[in-house]
Every structure is written in C-alpha cells, then in structure tokens.
Amino acid sequence: MRASIASGGRITVPKAIRDYLGLRAGSTVQFVRLPSGDIVLRRTSWKRKSASVVTTRLRRRATLRMTTEEIMALTRDK
C-alpha cells in the first residue's frame, strides 16, 4: 500500500491498516526503526473514554444502598 505525504508532513494511514491496528480518531501511534532499517507503525493507545461513560459504569457497580443523609454523615467529622 502507498500513501502520500501532504504539506506539513501529514500522512493518511490507509483504511486497511487502520482497521487492522484498530486505529480510530484520537488513537496514537509510534514509529519504530528496526535494526534492519525498516520502520514499523505501532498502535500505542486508544482514545480515552469520557468521564461520563466511566462514572456511569461505576454507578452500576454500587451494591450498598445508602440514603444521602447516611453518605453525608460519613463525610462529616464526628
């Protein structure tokens, strides 16, 4: 597969490669030079989930039922 470098040094990773590596908007990649001189493109991370998605998942895991007053009592000095 071939790709062209645009002005400013940008390059579009071909769709087949993005799909294979699981790259999406916000993913980061690393270019690694091997001893042979070849360059390898590696995925380094995925886009982070928004805080609302994380807190929603955490809320679902709560098993202890407490009223607001009981929770507030735990946070206050006794």
N, C-alpha and C. Protein backbone atom coordinates (compact mmCIF):
# COMPACT_ATOMS: atom_id res chain seq x y z
N MET A 1 0.84 -1.17 0.00
CA MET A 1 0.00 0.00 0.00
C MET A 1 0.88 1.24 0.00
N ARG A 2 0.40 2.25 -0.65
CA ARG A 2 1.14 3.50 -0.72
C ARG A 2 0.32 4.63 -0.13
N ALA A 3 1.01 5.63 0.36
CA ALA A 3 0.36 6.85 0.86
C ALA A 3 1.29 8.01 0.54
N SER A 4 0.71 9.17 0.34
CA SER A 4 1.49 10.38 0.04
C SER A 4 1.58 11.25 1.28
N ILE A 5 2.69 11.96 1.39
CA ILE A 5 2.86 12.90 2.49
C ILE A 5 2.38 14.26 2.01
N ALA A 6 1.45 14.85 2.76
CA ALA A 6 0.90 16.16 2.42
C ALA A 6 1.80 17.26 2.97
N SER A 7 1.49 18.49 2.59
CA SER A 7 2.25 19.61 3.13
C SER A 7 2.11 19.60 4.65
N GLY A 8 3.15 19.93 5.34
CA GLY A 8 3.12 19.90 6.80
C GLY A 8 3.50 18.54 7.35
N GLY A 9 3.81 17.58 6.49
CA GLY A 9 4.26 16.27 6.94
C GLY A 9 3.16 15.30 7.31
N ARG A 10 1.91 15.62 7.01
CA ARG A 10 0.81 14.72 7.37
C ARG A 10 0.68 13.60 6.35
N ILE A 11 0.26 12.46 6.88
CA ILE A 11 0.06 11.30 6.02
C ILE A 11 -1.24 10.61 6.44
N THR A 12 -1.97 10.10 5.49
CA THR A 12 -3.19 9.37 5.79
C THR A 12 -2.85 7.89 5.82
N VAL A 13 -3.15 7.24 6.94
CA VAL A 13 -2.92 5.81 7.06
C VAL A 13 -4.04 5.11 6.30
N PRO A 14 -3.70 4.23 5.37
CA PRO A 14 -4.74 3.55 4.59
C PRO A 14 -5.75 2.83 5.49
N LYS A 15 -7.00 2.80 5.04
CA LYS A 15 -8.09 2.23 5.83
C LYS A 15 -7.81 0.79 6.25
N ALA A 16 -7.26 -0.01 5.37
CA ALA A 16 -6.98 -1.41 5.70
C ALA A 16 -6.02 -1.51 6.89
N ILE A 17 -5.04 -0.61 6.95
CA ILE A 17 -4.08 -0.61 8.05
C ILE A 17 -4.76 -0.10 9.33
N ARG A 18 -5.57 0.96 9.21
CA ARG A 18 -6.31 1.47 10.38
C ARG A 18 -7.19 0.39 10.97
N ASP A 19 -7.90 -0.33 10.10
CA ASP A 19 -8.78 -1.41 10.57
C ASP A 19 -7.98 -2.53 11.23
N TYR A 20 -6.87 -2.90 10.63
CA TYR A 20 -6.04 -3.98 11.17
C TYR A 20 -5.49 -3.63 12.54
N LEU A 21 -5.04 -2.39 12.72
CA LEU A 21 -4.48 -1.95 14.00
C LEU A 21 -5.53 -1.47 14.99
N GLY A 22 -6.78 -1.33 14.54
CA GLY A 22 -7.84 -0.84 15.41
C GLY A 22 -7.70 0.65 15.69
N LEU A 23 -7.17 1.39 14.73
CA LEU A 23 -6.97 2.83 14.92
C LEU A 23 -8.26 3.58 14.67
N ARG A 24 -8.53 4.55 15.52
CA ARG A 24 -9.68 5.43 15.38
C ARG A 24 -9.19 6.86 15.59
N ALA A 25 -10.05 7.82 15.36
CA ALA A 25 -9.69 9.21 15.63
C ALA A 25 -9.28 9.33 17.09
N GLY A 26 -8.16 9.93 17.35
CA GLY A 26 -7.66 10.08 18.71
C GLY A 26 -6.66 9.02 19.12
N SER A 27 -6.54 7.94 18.34
CA SER A 27 -5.54 6.92 18.64
C SER A 27 -4.15 7.51 18.44
N THR A 28 -3.19 7.00 19.19
CA THR A 28 -1.81 7.42 18.97
C THR A 28 -1.01 6.25 18.43
N VAL A 29 -0.01 6.57 17.64
CA VAL A 29 0.85 5.56 17.05
C VAL A 29 2.30 5.91 17.30
N GLN A 30 3.14 4.94 17.13
CA GLN A 30 4.56 5.13 17.32
C GLN A 30 5.27 4.57 16.09
N PHE A 31 6.27 5.30 15.60
CA PHE A 31 7.10 4.83 14.51
C PHE A 31 8.38 4.28 15.13
N VAL A 32 8.71 3.03 14.83
CA VAL A 32 9.88 2.37 15.42
C VAL A 32 10.83 1.97 14.30
N ARG A 33 12.09 2.37 14.45
CA ARG A 33 13.10 1.95 13.47
C ARG A 33 13.74 0.66 13.94
N LEU A 34 13.66 -0.36 13.12
CA LEU A 34 14.23 -1.66 13.43
C LEU A 34 15.71 -1.67 13.06
N PRO A 35 16.50 -2.61 13.62
CA PRO A 35 17.92 -2.69 13.28
C PRO A 35 18.15 -2.87 11.77
N SER A 36 17.19 -3.45 11.09
CA SER A 36 17.32 -3.65 9.64
C SER A 36 17.16 -2.35 8.86
N GLY A 37 16.68 -1.29 9.56
CA GLY A 37 16.43 -0.02 8.90
C GLY A 37 14.96 0.17 8.52
N ASP A 38 14.17 -0.89 8.62
CA ASP A 38 12.74 -0.78 8.33
C ASP A 38 12.06 0.04 9.42
N ILE A 39 10.98 0.67 9.06
CA ILE A 39 10.18 1.45 10.00
C ILE A 39 8.86 0.71 10.22
N VAL A 40 8.47 0.58 11.48
CA VAL A 40 7.24 -0.12 11.84
C VAL A 40 6.30 0.88 12.51
N LEU A 41 5.02 0.81 12.17
CA LEU A 41 3.99 1.63 12.78
C LEU A 41 3.29 0.79 13.83
N ARG A 42 3.27 1.27 15.08
CA ARG A 42 2.61 0.53 16.16
C ARG A 42 1.55 1.39 16.82
N ARG A 43 0.44 0.76 17.17
CA ARG A 43 -0.60 1.45 17.94
C ARG A 43 -0.10 1.54 19.37
N THR A 44 -0.22 2.72 19.99
CA THR A 44 0.23 2.86 21.38
C THR A 44 -0.91 3.04 22.36
N SER A 45 -2.06 3.54 21.91
CA SER A 45 -3.18 3.69 22.83
C SER A 45 -4.47 3.90 22.07
N TRP A 46 -5.55 3.80 22.80
CA TRP A 46 -6.87 4.08 22.26
C TRP A 46 -7.33 5.40 22.81
N LYS A 47 -8.33 5.97 22.17
CA LYS A 47 -8.91 7.20 22.67
C LYS A 47 -9.55 6.91 24.03
N ARG A 48 -9.32 7.80 24.97
CA ARG A 48 -9.87 7.60 26.31
C ARG A 48 -11.37 7.82 26.32
N LYS A 49 -12.03 7.09 27.19
CA LYS A 49 -13.47 7.24 27.34
C LYS A 49 -13.76 8.51 28.12
N SER A 50 -14.88 9.12 27.82
CA SER A 50 -15.25 10.34 28.53
C SER A 50 -15.56 10.01 29.99
N ALA A 51 -15.44 10.99 30.84
CA ALA A 51 -15.68 10.80 32.27
C ALA A 51 -17.10 10.35 32.54
N SER A 52 -18.05 10.81 31.74
CA SER A 52 -19.45 10.42 31.98
C SER A 52 -19.66 8.93 31.73
N VAL A 53 -18.95 8.36 30.75
CA VAL A 53 -19.07 6.92 30.48
C VAL A 53 -18.49 6.14 31.64
N VAL A 54 -17.36 6.57 32.15
CA VAL A 54 -16.71 5.88 33.27
C VAL A 54 -17.57 5.96 34.52
N THR A 55 -18.08 7.15 34.85
CA THR A 55 -18.89 7.27 36.06
C THR A 55 -20.19 6.50 35.96
N THR A 56 -20.77 6.43 34.77
CA THR A 56 -21.99 5.64 34.59
C THR A 56 -21.71 4.17 34.88
N ARG A 57 -20.58 3.67 34.41
CA ARG A 57 -20.24 2.27 34.67
C ARG A 57 -19.98 2.04 36.15
N LEU A 58 -19.34 2.98 36.81
CA LEU A 58 -19.08 2.83 38.24
C LEU A 58 -20.37 2.85 39.04
N ARG A 59 -21.30 3.70 38.64
CA ARG A 59 -22.59 3.76 39.35
C ARG A 59 -23.30 2.42 39.32
N ARG A 60 -23.19 1.72 38.23
CA ARG A 60 -23.89 0.45 38.10
C ARG A 60 -23.32 -0.62 39.03
N ARG A 61 -22.12 -0.42 39.53
CA ARG A 61 -21.48 -1.43 40.36
C ARG A 61 -21.79 -1.28 41.84
N ALA A 62 -22.41 -0.20 42.22
CA ALA A 62 -22.71 0.02 43.63
C ALA A 62 -23.71 -1.02 44.12
N THR A 63 -23.39 -1.63 45.23
CA THR A 63 -24.28 -2.66 45.77
C THR A 63 -24.84 -2.26 47.13
N LEU A 64 -24.22 -1.28 47.77
CA LEU A 64 -24.66 -0.84 49.09
C LEU A 64 -25.69 0.27 48.93
N ARG A 65 -26.85 0.11 49.52
CA ARG A 65 -27.90 1.12 49.43
C ARG A 65 -27.81 2.04 50.64
N MET A 66 -27.54 3.33 50.38
CA MET A 66 -27.46 4.31 51.45
C MET A 66 -28.25 5.55 51.05
N THR A 67 -28.82 6.20 52.02
CA THR A 67 -29.51 7.46 51.75
C THR A 67 -28.47 8.56 51.65
N THR A 68 -28.87 9.70 51.12
CA THR A 68 -27.98 10.85 51.02
C THR A 68 -27.50 11.27 52.41
N GLU A 69 -28.40 11.26 53.36
CA GLU A 69 -28.04 11.65 54.73
C GLU A 69 -26.98 10.71 55.31
N GLU A 70 -27.09 9.42 55.06
CA GLU A 70 -26.10 8.47 55.56
C GLU A 70 -24.74 8.70 54.91
N ILE A 71 -24.74 8.99 53.65
CA ILE A 71 -23.48 9.26 52.94
C ILE A 71 -22.86 10.54 53.47
N MET A 72 -23.67 11.59 53.65
CA MET A 72 -23.16 12.85 54.17
C MET A 72 -22.60 12.69 55.58
N ALA A 73 -23.22 11.84 56.39
CA ALA A 73 -22.74 11.59 57.75
C ALA A 73 -21.35 10.96 57.72
N LEU A 74 -21.08 10.14 56.72
CA LEU A 74 -19.77 9.51 56.61
C LEU A 74 -18.68 10.52 56.26
N THR A 75 -19.04 11.59 55.56
CA THR A 75 -18.04 12.56 55.15
C THR A 75 -17.80 13.66 56.17
N ARG A 76 -18.67 13.76 57.15
CA ARG A 76 -18.54 14.79 58.19
C ARG A 76 -17.69 14.31 59.35
N ASP A 77 -17.06 15.27 60.04
CA ASP A 77 -16.33 14.92 61.25
C ASP A 77 -17.32 14.50 62.31
N LYS A 78 -16.94 13.52 63.08
CA LYS A 78 -17.84 13.02 64.14
C LYS A 78 -17.47 13.59 65.47
